[in-house]
Amino acid sequence: MDIAAVKKLKVAELKAELKKRGLSTDGLKAVLSKRLQEAIEANGAQQEEETVDDMMEVEESQQEPQQQVQQPPAKRKKVEASAPAPAPAAKPPPAPPVKV
């Protein structure tokens, strides 16, 4: 949203935009409009800083060749086929109830 569009917004729309940004929605239309304009300007400066930081990171990564370390293949133990494992022992049946 640009600053020119802020001037055309109704009070309810200004409050909705401010609420989205976590800002106070109290005040007259002039106050709300100014608050939203300042938030937009501040957000634009923040985005510009993030863009510059991102561009610098990309340039740095392109300048530094990345060395890939090759690891030797993992040694695996050879497992021979053998007889299937014995089945687990069956549980004994429950004891009959004791009458007193």
PDB file of N, CA and C in Angstrom:
ATOM      1  N   MET A   1       0.859  -1.165   0.000  1.00  0.00           N
ATOM      2  CA  MET A   1       0.000   0.000   0.000  1.00  0.00           C
ATOM      3  C   MET A   1       0.907   1.230   0.000  1.00  0.00           C
ATOM      4  N   ASP A   2       0.569   2.192  -0.847  1.00  0.00           N
ATOM      5  CA  ASP A   2       1.379   3.403  -0.901  1.00  0.00           C
ATOM      6  C   ASP A   2       0.731   4.516  -0.089  1.00  0.00           C
ATOM      7  N   ILE A   3       1.501   5.545   0.159  1.00  0.00           N
ATOM      8  CA  ILE A   3       1.047   6.628   1.021  1.00  0.00           C
ATOM      9  C   ILE A   3      -0.122   7.387   0.400  1.00  0.00           C
ATOM     10  N   ALA A   4      -0.160   7.518  -0.913  1.00  0.00           N
ATOM     11  CA  ALA A   4      -1.269   8.222  -1.570  1.00  0.00           C
ATOM     12  C   ALA A   4      -2.593   7.502  -1.316  1.00  0.00           C
ATOM     13  N   ALA A   5      -2.554   6.180  -1.254  1.00  0.00           N
ATOM     14  CA  ALA A   5      -3.771   5.400  -1.028  1.00  0.00           C
ATOM     15  C   ALA A   5      -4.277   5.564   0.403  1.00  0.00           C
ATOM     16  N   VAL A   6      -3.382   5.843   1.336  1.00  0.00           N
ATOM     17  CA  VAL A   6      -3.771   5.999   2.739  1.00  0.00           C
ATOM     18  C   VAL A   6      -4.741   7.167   2.890  1.00  0.00           C
ATOM     19  N   LYS A   7      -4.510   8.231   2.153  1.00  0.00           N
ATOM     20  CA  LYS A   7      -5.351   9.423   2.264  1.00  0.00           C
ATOM     21  C   LYS A   7      -6.789   9.160   1.814  1.00  0.00           C
ATOM     22  N   LYS A   8      -6.991   8.175   0.975  1.00  0.00           N
ATOM     23  CA  LYS A   8      -8.318   7.862   0.440  1.00  0.00           C
ATOM     24  C   LYS A   8      -9.091   6.883   1.319  1.00  0.00           C
ATOM     25  N   LEU A   9      -8.436   6.284   2.309  1.00  0.00           N
ATOM     26  CA  LEU A   9      -9.084   5.271   3.142  1.00  0.00           C
ATOM     27  C   LEU A   9     -10.079   5.897   4.111  1.00  0.00           C
ATOM     28  N   LYS A  10     -11.120   5.138   4.420  1.00  0.00           N
ATOM     29  CA  LYS A  10     -12.096   5.548   5.430  1.00  0.00           C
ATOM     30  C   LYS A  10     -11.555   5.153   6.800  1.00  0.00           C
ATOM     31  N   VAL A  11     -12.143   5.687   7.853  1.00  0.00           N
ATOM     32  CA  VAL A  11     -11.665   5.433   9.208  1.00  0.00           C
ATOM     33  C   VAL A  11     -11.638   3.932   9.513  1.00  0.00           C
ATOM     34  N   ALA A  12     -12.694   3.226   9.143  1.00  0.00           N
ATOM     35  CA  ALA A  12     -12.748   1.780   9.404  1.00  0.00           C
ATOM     36  C   ALA A  12     -11.616   1.056   8.679  1.00  0.00           C
ATOM     37  N   GLU A  13     -11.320   1.484   7.466  1.00  0.00           N
ATOM     38  CA  GLU A  13     -10.232   0.859   6.686  1.00  0.00           C
ATOM     39  C   GLU A  13      -8.874   1.194   7.298  1.00  0.00           C
ATOM     40  N   LEU A  14      -8.714   2.434   7.755  1.00  0.00           N
ATOM     41  CA  LEU A  14      -7.460   2.818   8.418  1.00  0.00           C
ATOM     42  C   LEU A  14      -7.244   1.955   9.664  1.00  0.00           C
ATOM     43  N   LYS A  15      -8.315   1.807  10.447  1.00  0.00           N
ATOM     44  CA  LYS A  15      -8.204   1.001  11.668  1.00  0.00           C
ATOM     45  C   LYS A  15      -7.858  -0.450  11.348  1.00  0.00           C
ATOM     46  N   ALA A  16      -8.442  -0.989  10.285  1.00  0.00           N
ATOM     47  CA  ALA A  16      -8.153  -2.370   9.899  1.00  0.00           C
ATOM     48  C   ALA A  16      -6.679  -2.522   9.506  1.00  0.00           C
ATOM     49  N   GLU A  17      -6.156  -1.568   8.749  1.00  0.00           N
ATOM     50  CA  GLU A  17      -4.747  -1.620   8.338  1.00  0.00           C
ATOM     51  C   GLU A  17      -3.815  -1.491   9.543  1.00  0.00           C
ATOM     52  N   LEU A  18      -4.163  -0.603  10.457  1.00  0.00           N
ATOM     53  CA  LEU A  18      -3.347  -0.434  11.658  1.00  0.00           C
ATOM     54  C   LEU A  18      -3.379  -1.692  12.523  1.00  0.00           C
ATOM     55  N   LYS A  19      -4.556  -2.289  12.625  1.00  0.00           N
ATOM     56  CA  LYS A  19      -4.692  -3.505  13.430  1.00  0.00           C
ATOM     57  C   LYS A  19      -3.837  -4.631  12.853  1.00  0.00           C
ATOM     58  N   LYS A  20      -3.811  -4.752  11.509  1.00  0.00           N
ATOM     59  CA  LYS A  20      -2.982  -5.774  10.851  1.00  0.00           C
ATOM     60  C   LYS A  20      -1.523  -5.630  11.238  1.00  0.00           C
ATOM     61  N   ARG A  21      -1.110  -4.376  11.445  1.00  0.00           N
ATOM     62  CA  ARG A  21       0.289  -4.097  11.760  1.00  0.00           C
ATOM     63  C   ARG A  21       0.557  -4.089  13.267  1.00  0.00           C
ATOM     64  N   GLY A  22      -0.478  -4.361  14.053  1.00  0.00           N
ATOM     65  CA  GLY A  22      -0.313  -4.397  15.499  1.00  0.00           C
ATOM     66  C   GLY A  22      -0.173  -3.008  16.115  1.00  0.00           C
ATOM     67  N   LEU A  23      -0.711  -1.995  15.457  1.00  0.00           N
ATOM     68  CA  LEU A  23      -0.613  -0.623  15.946  1.00  0.00           C
ATOM     69  C   LEU A  23      -1.926  -0.178  16.568  1.00  0.00           C
ATOM     70  N   SER A  24      -1.856   0.889  17.352  1.00  0.00           N
ATOM     71  CA  SER A  24      -3.032   1.432  18.026  1.00  0.00           C
ATOM     72  C   SER A  24      -4.057   1.930  17.005  1.00  0.00           C
ATOM     73  N   THR A  25      -5.319   1.702  17.307  1.00  0.00           N
ATOM     74  CA  THR A  25      -6.404   2.145  16.423  1.00  0.00           C
ATOM     75  C   THR A  25      -7.191   3.286  17.047  1.00  0.00           C
ATOM     76  N   ASP A  26      -6.618   3.936  18.052  1.00  0.00           N
ATOM     77  CA  ASP A  26      -7.285   5.049  18.728  1.00  0.00           C
ATOM     78  C   ASP A  26      -6.946   6.371  18.051  1.00  0.00           C
ATOM     79  N   GLY A  27      -7.922   7.276  17.993  1.00  0.00           N
ATOM     80  CA  GLY A  27      -7.675   8.620  17.494  1.00  0.00           C
ATOM     81  C   GLY A  27      -8.572   8.998  16.336  1.00  0.00           C
ATOM     82  N   LEU A  28      -8.440  10.250  15.939  1.00  0.00           N
ATOM     83  CA  LEU A  28      -9.196  10.771  14.804  1.00  0.00           C
ATOM     84  C   LEU A  28      -8.570  10.309  13.497  1.00  0.00           C
ATOM     85  N   LYS A  29      -9.283  10.543  12.393  1.00  0.00           N
ATOM     86  CA  LYS A  29      -8.829  10.092  11.077  1.00  0.00           C
ATOM     87  C   LYS A  29      -7.439  10.636  10.762  1.00  0.00           C
ATOM     88  N   ALA A  30      -7.177  11.888  11.064  1.00  0.00           N
ATOM     89  CA  ALA A  30      -5.868  12.486  10.768  1.00  0.00           C
ATOM     90  C   ALA A  30      -4.755  11.753  11.517  1.00  0.00           C
ATOM     91  N   VAL A  31      -5.026  11.406  12.782  1.00  0.00           N
ATOM     92  CA  VAL A  31      -4.038  10.698  13.601  1.00  0.00           C
ATOM     93  C   VAL A  31      -3.821   9.284  13.051  1.00  0.00           C
ATOM     94  N   LEU A  32      -4.914   8.614  12.719  1.00  0.00           N
ATOM     95  CA  LEU A  32      -4.822   7.251  12.178  1.00  0.00           C
ATOM     96  C   LEU A  32      -4.058   7.247  10.861  1.00  0.00           C
ATOM     97  N   SER A  33      -4.361   8.216  10.011  1.00  0.00           N
ATOM     98  CA  SER A  33      -3.713   8.315   8.706  1.00  0.00           C
ATOM     99  C   SER A  33      -2.209   8.541   8.864  1.00  0.00           C
ATOM    100  N   LYS A  34      -1.848   9.442   9.756  1.00  0.00           N
ATOM    101  CA  LYS A  34      -0.428   9.731   9.990  1.00  0.00           C
ATOM    102  C   LYS A  34       0.292   8.495  10.532  1.00  0.00           C
ATOM    103  N   ARG A  35      -0.360   7.788  11.473  1.00  0.00           N
ATOM    104  CA  ARG A  35       0.240   6.585  12.071  1.00  0.00           C
ATOM    105  C   ARG A  35       0.480   5.515  11.011  1.00  0.00           C
ATOM    106  N   LEU A  36      -0.487   5.339  10.124  1.00  0.00           N
ATOM    107  CA  LEU A  36      -0.341   4.336   9.073  1.00  0.00           C
ATOM    108  C   LEU A  36       0.742   4.745   8.075  1.00  0.00           C
ATOM    109  N   GLN A  37       0.792   6.016   7.722  1.00  0.00           N
ATOM    110  CA  GLN A  37       1.828   6.492   6.797  1.00  0.00           C
ATOM    111  C   GLN A  37       3.220   6.259   7.380  1.00  0.00           C
ATOM    112  N   GLU A  38       3.386   6.555   8.660  1.00  0.00           N
ATOM    113  CA  GLU A  38       4.688   6.344   9.305  1.00  0.00           C
ATOM    114  C   GLU A  38       5.056   4.868   9.321  1.00  0.00           C
ATOM    115  N   ALA A  39       4.063   4.018   9.550  1.00  0.00           N
ATOM    116  CA  ALA A  39       4.324   2.573   9.568  1.00  0.00           C
ATOM    117  C   ALA A  39       4.744   2.093   8.184  1.00  0.00           C
ATOM    118  N   ILE A  40       4.090   2.608   7.159  1.00  0.00           N
ATOM    119  CA  ILE A  40       4.431   2.209   5.787  1.00  0.00           C
ATOM    120  C   ILE A  40       5.842   2.665   5.444  1.00  0.00           C
ATOM    121  N   GLU A  41       6.172   3.901   5.810  1.00  0.00           N
ATOM    122  CA  GLU A  41       7.518   4.412   5.539  1.00  0.00           C
ATOM    123  C   GLU A  41       8.573   3.603   6.291  1.00  0.00           C
ATOM    124  N   ALA A  42       8.308   3.290   7.559  1.00  0.00           N
ATOM    125  CA  ALA A  42       9.256   2.513   8.360  1.00  0.00           C
ATOM    126  C   ALA A  42       9.420   1.112   7.791  1.00  0.00           C
ATOM    127  N   ASN A  43       8.320   0.513   7.348  1.00  0.00           N
ATOM    128  CA  ASN A  43       8.368  -0.828   6.770  1.00  0.00           C
ATOM    129  C   ASN A  43       9.160  -0.806   5.475  1.00  0.00           C
ATOM    130  N   GLY A  44       8.997   0.246   4.684  1.00  0.00           N
ATOM    131  CA  GLY A  44       9.741   0.365   3.433  1.00  0.00           C
ATOM    132  C   GLY A  44      11.233   0.449   3.685  1.00  0.00           C
ATOM    133  N   ALA A  45      11.638   1.204   4.715  1.00  0.00           N
ATOM    134  CA  ALA A  45      13.056   1.312   5.060  1.00  0.00           C
ATOM    135  C   ALA A  45      13.587  -0.030   5.544  1.00  0.00           C
ATOM    136  N   GLN A  46      12.772  -0.739   6.323  1.00  0.00           N
ATOM    137  CA  GLN A  46      13.188  -2.045   6.837  1.00  0.00           C
ATOM    138  C   GLN A  46      13.349  -3.034   5.691  1.00  0.00           C
ATOM    139  N   GLN A  47      12.404  -3.036   4.761  1.00  0.00           N
ATOM    140  CA  GLN A  47      12.498  -3.944   3.624  1.00  0.00           C
ATOM    141  C   GLN A  47      13.717  -3.622   2.770  1.00  0.00           C
ATOM    142  N   GLU A  48      14.023  -2.344   2.638  1.00  0.00           N
ATOM    143  CA  GLU A  48      15.196  -1.946   1.861  1.00  0.00           C
ATOM    144  C   GLU A  48      16.460  -2.469   2.515  1.00  0.00           C
ATOM    145  N   GLU A  49      16.559  -2.382   3.855  1.00  0.00           N
ATOM    146  CA  GLU A  49      17.716  -2.904   4.571  1.00  0.00           C
ATOM    147  C   GLU A  49      17.835  -4.408   4.378  1.00  0.00           C
ATOM    148  N   GLU A  50      16.709  -5.128   4.473  1.00  0.00           N
ATOM    149  CA  GLU A  50      16.723  -6.576   4.307  1.00  0.00           C
ATOM    150  C   GLU A  50      17.171  -6.941   2.897  1.00  0.00           C
ATOM    151  N   THR A  51      16.719  -6.167   1.909  1.00  0.00           N
ATOM    152  CA  THR A  51      17.103  -6.440   0.534  1.00  0.00           C
ATOM    153  C   THR A  51      18.600  -6.258   0.358  1.00  0.00           C
ATOM    154  N   VAL A  52      19.173  -5.200   0.923  1.00  0.00           N
ATOM    155  CA  VAL A  52      20.609  -4.962   0.829  1.00  0.00           C
ATOM    156  C   VAL A  52      21.365  -6.087   1.515  1.00  0.00           C
ATOM    157  N   ASP A  53      20.910  -6.505   2.701  1.00  0.00           N
ATOM    158  CA  ASP A  53      21.564  -7.606   3.406  1.00  0.00           C
ATOM    159  C   ASP A  53      21.523  -8.890   2.590  1.00  0.00           C
ATOM    160  N   ASP A  54      20.378  -9.180   1.984  1.00  0.00           N
ATOM    161  CA  ASP A  54      20.237 -10.382   1.159  1.00  0.00           C
ATOM    162  C   ASP A  54      21.195 -10.331  -0.027  1.00  0.00           C
ATOM    163  N   MET A  55      21.296  -9.161  -0.658  1.00  0.00           N
ATOM    164  CA  MET A  55      22.178  -9.022  -1.824  1.00  0.00           C
ATOM    165  C   MET A  55      23.628  -9.219  -1.415  1.00  0.00           C
ATOM    166  N   MET A  56      24.012  -8.714  -0.250  1.00  0.00           N
ATOM    167  CA  MET A  56      25.392  -8.871   0.211  1.00  0.00           C
ATOM    168  C   MET A  56      25.696 -10.331   0.487  1.00  0.00           C
ATOM    169  N   GLU A  57      24.753 -11.055   1.056  1.00  0.00           N
ATOM    170  CA  GLU A  57      24.953 -12.478   1.333  1.00  0.00           C
ATOM    171  C   GLU A  57      25.139 -13.256   0.037  1.00  0.00           C
ATOM    172  N   VAL A  58      24.366 -12.921  -0.976  1.00  0.00           N
ATOM    173  CA  VAL A  58      24.477 -13.608  -2.264  1.00  0.00           C
ATOM    174  C   VAL A  58      25.846 -13.343  -2.873  1.00  0.00           C
ATOM    175  N   GLU A  59      26.287 -12.091  -2.821  1.00  0.00           N
ATOM    176  CA  GLU A  59      27.591 -11.754  -3.390  1.00  0.00           C
ATOM    177  C   GLU A  59      28.708 -12.492  -2.663  1.00  0.00           C
ATOM    178  N   GLU A  60      28.629 -12.546  -1.329  1.00  0.00           N
ATOM    179  CA  GLU A  60      29.648 -13.238  -0.559  1.00  0.00           C
ATOM    180  C   GLU A  60      29.686 -14.720  -0.897  1.00  0.00           C
ATOM    181  N   SER A  61      28.529 -15.315  -1.059  1.00  0.00           N
ATOM    182  CA  SER A  61      28.494 -16.745  -1.352  1.00  0.00           C
ATOM    183  C   SER A  61      29.029 -17.032  -2.756  1.00  0.00           C
ATOM    184  N   GLN A  62      28.881 -16.077  -3.666  1.00  0.00           N
ATOM    185  CA  GLN A  62      29.392 -16.271  -5.023  1.00  0.00           C
ATOM    186  C   GLN A  62      30.899 -16.089  -5.072  1.00  0.00           C
ATOM    187  N   GLN A  63      31.444 -15.271  -4.193  1.00  0.00           N
ATOM    188  CA  GLN A  63      32.878 -15.006  -4.203  1.00  0.00           C
ATOM    189  C   GLN A  63      33.665 -16.135  -3.569  1.00  0.00           C
ATOM    190  N   GLU A  64      33.134 -16.753  -2.563  1.00  0.00           N
ATOM    191  CA  GLU A  64      33.827 -17.811  -1.862  1.00  0.00           C
ATOM    192  C   GLU A  64      33.473 -19.163  -2.471  1.00  0.00           C
ATOM    193  N   PRO A  65      34.466 -19.821  -3.074  1.00  0.00           N
ATOM    194  CA  PRO A  65      34.152 -21.149  -3.615  1.00  0.00           C
ATOM    195  C   PRO A  65      33.915 -22.116  -2.456  1.00  0.00           C
ATOM    196  N   GLN A  66      32.882 -22.878  -2.598  1.00  0.00           N
ATOM    197  CA  GLN A  66      32.541 -23.830  -1.551  1.00  0.00           C
ATOM    198  C   GLN A  66      33.237 -25.148  -1.842  1.00  0.00           C
ATOM    199  N   GLN A  67      33.994 -25.593  -0.866  1.00  0.00           N
ATOM    200  CA  GLN A  67      34.697 -26.858  -1.024  1.00  0.00           C
ATOM    201  C   GLN A  67      33.821 -27.980  -0.502  1.00  0.00           C
ATOM    202  N   GLN A  68      33.696 -28.983  -1.322  1.00  0.00           N
ATOM    203  CA  GLN A  68      32.908 -30.129  -0.908  1.00  0.00           C
ATOM    204  C   GLN A  68      33.857 -31.217  -0.428  1.00  0.00           C
ATOM    205  N   VAL A  69      33.630 -31.687   0.752  1.00  0.00           N
ATOM    206  CA  VAL A  69      34.451 -32.733   1.320  1.00  0.00           C
ATOM    207  C   VAL A  69      33.826 -34.059   0.956  1.00  0.00           C
ATOM    208  N   GLN A  70      34.622 -34.891   0.298  1.00  0.00           N
ATOM    209  CA  GLN A  70      34.101 -36.199  -0.082  1.00  0.00           C
ATOM    210  C   GLN A  70      34.428 -37.185   1.023  1.00  0.00           C
ATOM    211  N   GLN A  71      33.412 -37.847   1.478  1.00  0.00           N
ATOM    212  CA  GLN A  71      33.566 -38.836   2.532  1.00  0.00           C
ATOM    213  C   GLN A  71      33.668 -40.216   1.881  1.00  0.00           C
ATOM    214  N   PRO A  72      34.513 -41.069   2.427  1.00  0.00           N
ATOM    215  CA  PRO A  72      34.577 -42.422   1.881  1.00  0.00           C
ATOM    216  C   PRO A  72      33.252 -43.128   2.139  1.00  0.00           C
ATOM    217  N   PRO A  73      32.886 -44.054   1.265  1.00  0.00           N
ATOM    218  CA  PRO A  73      31.617 -44.757   1.469  1.00  0.00           C
ATOM    219  C   PRO A  73      31.642 -45.526   2.788  1.00  0.00           C
ATOM    220  N   ALA A  74      30.525 -45.571   3.426  1.00  0.00           N
ATOM    221  CA  ALA A  74      30.429 -46.256   4.716  1.00  0.00           C
ATOM    222  C   ALA A  74      30.621 -47.753   4.524  1.00  0.00           C
ATOM    223  N   LYS A  75      31.344 -48.343   5.442  1.00  0.00           N
ATOM    224  CA  LYS A  75      31.567 -49.788   5.374  1.00  0.00           C
ATOM    225  C   LYS A  75      30.379 -50.474   6.011  1.00  0.00           C
ATOM    226  N   ARG A  76      29.896 -51.460   5.310  1.00  0.00           N
ATOM    227  CA  ARG A  76      28.750 -52.209   5.821  1.00  0.00           C
ATOM    228  C   ARG A  76      29.189 -53.631   6.126  1.00  0.00           C
ATOM    229  N   LYS A  77      28.632 -54.153   7.200  1.00  0.00           N
ATOM    230  CA  LYS A  77      28.941 -55.532   7.552  1.00  0.00           C
ATOM    231  C   LYS A  77      28.123 -56.454   6.672  1.00  0.00           C
ATOM    232  N   LYS A  78      28.752 -57.512   6.263  1.00  0.00           N
ATOM    233  CA  LYS A  78      28.065 -58.488   5.438  1.00  0.00           C
ATOM    234  C   LYS A  78      27.249 -59.391   6.353  1.00  0.00           C
ATOM    235  N   VAL A  79      25.973 -59.465   6.072  1.00  0.00           N
ATOM    236  CA  VAL A  79      25.096 -60.303   6.877  1.00  0.00           C
ATOM    237  C   VAL A  79      24.757 -61.535   6.064  1.00  0.00           C
ATOM    238  N   GLU A  80      25.045 -62.658   6.651  1.00  0.00           N
ATOM    239  CA  GLU A  80      24.760 -63.904   5.951  1.00  0.00           C
ATOM    240  C   GLU A  80      23.338 -64.341   6.266  1.00  0.00           C
ATOM    241  N   ALA A  81      22.756 -65.001   5.311  1.00  0.00           N
ATOM    242  CA  ALA A  81      21.409 -65.528   5.529  1.00  0.00           C
ATOM    243  C   ALA A  81      21.505 -66.646   6.550  1.00  0.00           C
ATOM    244  N   SER A  82      20.604 -66.635   7.490  1.00  0.00           N
ATOM    245  CA  SER A  82      20.601 -67.668   8.521  1.00  0.00           C
ATOM    246  C   SER A  82      19.163 -68.099   8.767  1.00  0.00           C
ATOM    247  N   ALA A  83      19.022 -69.013   9.636  1.00  0.00           N
ATOM    248  CA  ALA A  83      17.687 -69.511   9.958  1.00  0.00           C
ATOM    249  C   ALA A  83      16.883 -68.383  10.606  1.00  0.00           C
ATOM    250  N   PRO A  84      15.558 -68.417  10.410  1.00  0.00           N
ATOM    251  CA  PRO A  84      14.748 -67.368  11.021  1.00  0.00           C
ATOM    252  C   PRO A  84      14.847 -67.403  12.537  1.00  0.00           C
ATOM    253  N   ALA A  85      14.682 -66.263  13.146  1.00  0.00           N
ATOM    254  CA  ALA A  85      14.775 -66.157  14.600  1.00  0.00           C
ATOM    255  C   ALA A  85      13.639 -66.956  15.229  1.00  0.00           C
ATOM    256  N   PRO A  86      13.910 -67.577  16.368  1.00  0.00           N
ATOM    257  CA  PRO A  86      12.862 -68.362  17.020  1.00  0.00           C
ATOM    258  C   PRO A  86      11.724 -67.452  17.488  1.00  0.00           C
ATOM    259  N   ALA A  87      10.533 -67.993  17.489  1.00  0.00           N
ATOM    260  CA  ALA A  87       9.355 -67.240  17.921  1.00  0.00           C
ATOM    261  C   ALA A  87       9.451 -67.020  19.426  1.00  0.00           C
ATOM    262  N   PRO A  88       8.930 -65.900  19.914  1.00  0.00           N
ATOM    263  CA  PRO A  88       8.983 -65.664  21.355  1.00  0.00           C
ATOM    264  C   PRO A  88       8.141 -66.710  22.091  1.00  0.00           C
ATOM    265  N   ALA A  89       8.548 -67.010  23.312  1.00  0.00           N
ATOM    266  CA  ALA A  89       7.849 -68.007  24.126  1.00  0.00           C
ATOM    267  C   ALA A  89       6.440 -67.520  24.433  1.00  0.00           C
ATOM    268  N   ALA A  90       5.510 -68.453  24.396  1.00  0.00           N
ATOM    269  CA  ALA A  90       4.115 -68.112  24.673  1.00  0.00           C
ATOM    270  C   ALA A  90       3.940 -67.870  26.159  1.00  0.00           C
ATOM    271  N   LYS A  91       3.024 -66.974  26.524  1.00  0.00           N
ATOM    272  CA  LYS A  91       2.764 -66.685  27.929  1.00  0.00           C
ATOM    273  C   LYS A  91       1.901 -67.810  28.503  1.00  0.00           C
ATOM    274  N   PRO A  92       2.159 -68.158  29.741  1.00  0.00           N
ATOM    275  CA  PRO A  92       1.323 -69.203  30.352  1.00  0.00           C
ATOM    276  C   PRO A  92      -0.094 -68.672  30.555  1.00  0.00           C
ATOM    277  N   PRO A  93      -1.070 -69.549  30.557  1.00  0.00           N
ATOM    278  CA  PRO A  93      -2.454 -69.091  30.750  1.00  0.00           C
ATOM    279  C   PRO A  93      -2.626 -68.496  32.139  1.00  0.00           C
ATOM    280  N   PRO A  94      -3.583 -67.591  32.309  1.00  0.00           N
ATOM    281  CA  PRO A  94      -3.767 -66.992  33.646  1.00  0.00           C
ATOM    282  C   PRO A  94      -4.247 -68.032  34.653  1.00  0.00           C
ATOM    283  N   ALA A  95      -3.867 -67.797  35.889  1.00  0.00           N
ATOM    284  CA  ALA A  95      -4.228 -68.730  36.973  1.00  0.00           C
ATOM    285  C   ALA A  95      -5.721 -68.608  37.237  1.00  0.00           C
ATOM    286  N   PRO A  96      -6.372 -69.723  37.605  1.00  0.00           N
ATOM    287  CA  PRO A  96      -7.808 -69.655  37.915  1.00  0.00           C
ATOM    288  C   PRO A  96      -8.035 -68.815  39.161  1.00  0.00           C
ATOM    289  N   PRO A  97      -9.187 -68.172  39.271  1.00  0.00           N
ATOM    290  CA  PRO A  97      -9.448 -67.348  40.459  1.00  0.00           C
ATOM    291  C   PRO A  97      -9.486 -68.195  41.729  1.00  0.00           C
ATOM    292  N   VAL A  98      -9.019 -67.650  42.811  1.00  0.00           N
ATOM    293  CA  VAL A  98      -8.972 -68.340  44.101  1.00  0.00           C
ATOM    294  C   VAL A  98     -10.246 -68.037  44.847  1.00  0.00           C
ATOM    295  N   LYS A  99     -10.937 -69.113  45.294  1.00  0.00           N
ATOM    296  CA  LYS A  99     -12.166 -68.951  46.070  1.00  0.00           C
ATOM    297  C   LYS A  99     -11.832 -68.978  47.549  1.00  0.00           C
ATOM    298  N   VAL A 100     -12.420 -68.088  48.308  1.00  0.00           N
ATOM    299  CA  VAL A 100     -12.125 -68.028  49.724  1.00  0.00           C
ATOM    300  C   VAL A 100     -13.298 -68.497  50.532  1.00  0.00           C
TER     301      VAL A 100
END
